[in-house]
Amino acid sequence: MEHPVTPDGRYFVVRGRLWRRSDPSLSEERRQALVNELMAARRAVGVAKRAEDADTLKAARAAVNEAKTNLGERGPVWWTDGAPDLNRHMAKNTPYAEWFAALEES
């Protein structure tokens, strides 16, 4: 199932919560390379957890954060109109509330 995307394309919604999307100005090649890095880092987190290796886990989590930041999903926002970052906010408590309510009704 595809998650709904806010009308401005900044967020997608999962269980009522907003999650920032990747920067649309990234080239497809760059975006895919970063997604590949993110997936490798996430796999490394799992390996480190299973091995109970705290140092490797810390490094793997840092790699996840770096990839997500480079994708634009964390860190400074990629839009330029001064709108605040509402990442992880409940949609019903944001300026997207009316849009989200209409989704739930349909």
Protein backbone atom coordinates (compact mmCIF):
# COMPACT_ATOMS: atom_id res chain seq x y z
CA MET A 1 0.00 0.00 0.00
CA GLU A 2 1.34 3.41 -0.94
CA HIS A 3 1.33 6.03 1.79
CA PRO A 4 -0.46 9.33 1.15
CA VAL A 5 1.77 12.29 0.31
CA THR A 6 0.95 15.82 1.44
CA PRO A 7 -0.19 18.18 -1.32
CA ASP A 8 3.14 20.05 -1.23
CA GLY A 9 5.12 16.79 -1.53
CA ARG A 10 7.12 17.36 1.64
CA TYR A 11 5.82 14.46 3.73
CA PHE A 12 4.19 11.08 3.51
CA VAL A 13 1.86 9.83 6.23
CA VAL A 14 2.09 6.54 8.14
CA ARG A 15 -0.49 5.83 10.86
CA GLY A 16 -1.31 9.53 11.02
CA ARG A 17 2.29 10.70 11.43
CA LEU A 18 4.20 12.90 8.96
CA TRP A 19 7.56 11.67 7.69
CA ARG A 20 9.77 13.93 5.59
CA ARG A 21 10.34 12.79 2.01
CA SER A 22 13.64 12.83 0.19
CA ASP A 23 14.79 16.03 -1.48
CA PRO A 24 13.18 16.06 -4.95
CA SER A 25 16.10 18.07 -6.36
CA LEU A 26 18.40 15.03 -6.04
CA SER A 27 19.10 13.32 -9.33
CA GLU A 28 17.67 9.83 -9.60
CA GLU A 29 21.20 8.41 -9.69
CA ARG A 30 22.25 10.29 -6.53
CA ARG A 31 19.03 9.40 -4.73
CA GLN A 32 19.43 5.72 -5.58
CA ALA A 33 23.07 5.72 -4.42
CA LEU A 34 21.99 7.26 -1.11
CA VAL A 35 19.14 4.76 -0.72
CA ASN A 36 21.65 1.96 -1.33
CA GLU A 37 23.89 3.44 1.39
CA LEU A 38 20.92 3.72 3.72
CA MET A 39 19.90 0.10 3.19
CA ALA A 40 23.48 -1.10 3.76
CA ALA A 41 23.66 0.92 6.96
CA ARG A 42 20.34 -0.49 8.16
CA ARG A 43 21.59 -4.02 7.49
CA ALA A 44 24.74 -3.16 9.47
CA VAL A 45 22.56 -2.05 12.39
CA GLY A 46 20.87 -5.45 12.38
CA VAL A 47 24.17 -7.31 12.23
CA ALA A 48 25.60 -5.24 15.08
CA LYS A 49 22.51 -5.79 17.21
CA ARG A 50 22.61 -9.53 16.70
CA ALA A 51 26.33 -9.55 17.55
CA GLU A 52 25.69 -7.29 20.55
CA ASP A 53 28.57 -5.10 19.33
CA ALA A 54 27.97 -1.63 20.79
CA ASP A 55 30.78 0.11 18.90
CA THR A 56 29.72 -1.26 15.53
CA LEU A 57 26.09 -0.48 16.34
CA LYS A 58 26.97 3.14 17.10
CA ALA A 59 28.85 3.46 13.79
CA ALA A 60 26.03 1.80 11.84
CA ARG A 61 23.44 4.11 13.36
CA ALA A 62 25.62 7.10 12.49
CA ALA A 63 25.77 5.83 8.89
CA VAL A 64 21.95 5.57 8.81
CA ASN A 65 21.68 9.13 10.07
CA GLU A 66 24.20 10.40 7.52
CA ALA A 67 22.39 8.73 4.62
CA LYS A 68 19.00 10.07 5.77
CA THR A 69 20.48 13.56 6.19
CA ASN A 70 22.01 13.40 2.70
CA LEU A 71 18.64 12.31 1.32
CA GLY A 72 17.03 15.35 2.96
CA GLU A 73 14.89 13.28 5.31
CA ARG A 74 16.71 14.67 8.36
CA GLY A 75 18.72 17.78 9.10
CA PRO A 76 18.04 21.08 7.36
CA VAL A 77 14.86 21.16 5.31
CA TRP A 78 15.16 21.11 1.53
CA TRP A 79 12.40 23.64 0.86
CA THR A 80 13.10 27.36 0.81
CA ASP A 81 9.84 29.07 1.77
CA GLY A 82 10.59 29.18 5.49
CA ALA A 83 7.92 26.65 6.46
CA PRO A 84 8.78 24.73 9.63
CA ASP A 85 9.80 21.10 9.69
CA LEU A 86 6.87 19.00 10.86
CA ASN A 87 8.67 15.66 10.59
CA ARG A 88 7.23 13.11 13.01
CA HIS A 89 4.29 15.35 13.96
CA MET A 90 0.80 13.91 13.94
CA ALA A 91 -0.90 15.22 10.79
CA LYS A 92 -4.04 16.14 12.70
CA ASN A 93 -2.01 18.64 14.76
CA THR A 94 -0.45 20.45 11.80
CA PRO A 95 -1.51 22.75 8.97
CA TYR A 96 -2.22 19.50 7.05
CA ALA A 97 -5.08 18.60 9.45
CA GLU A 98 -7.92 19.46 7.06
CA TRP A 99 -6.26 17.61 4.17
CA PHE A 100 -5.64 14.60 6.38
CA ALA A 101 -9.19 14.57 7.74
CA ALA A 102 -10.52 14.54 4.18
CA LEU A 103 -8.32 11.50 3.45
CA GLU A 104 -9.72 9.64 6.41
CA GLU A 105 -13.29 10.38 5.28
CA SER A 106 -12.77 8.95 1.81
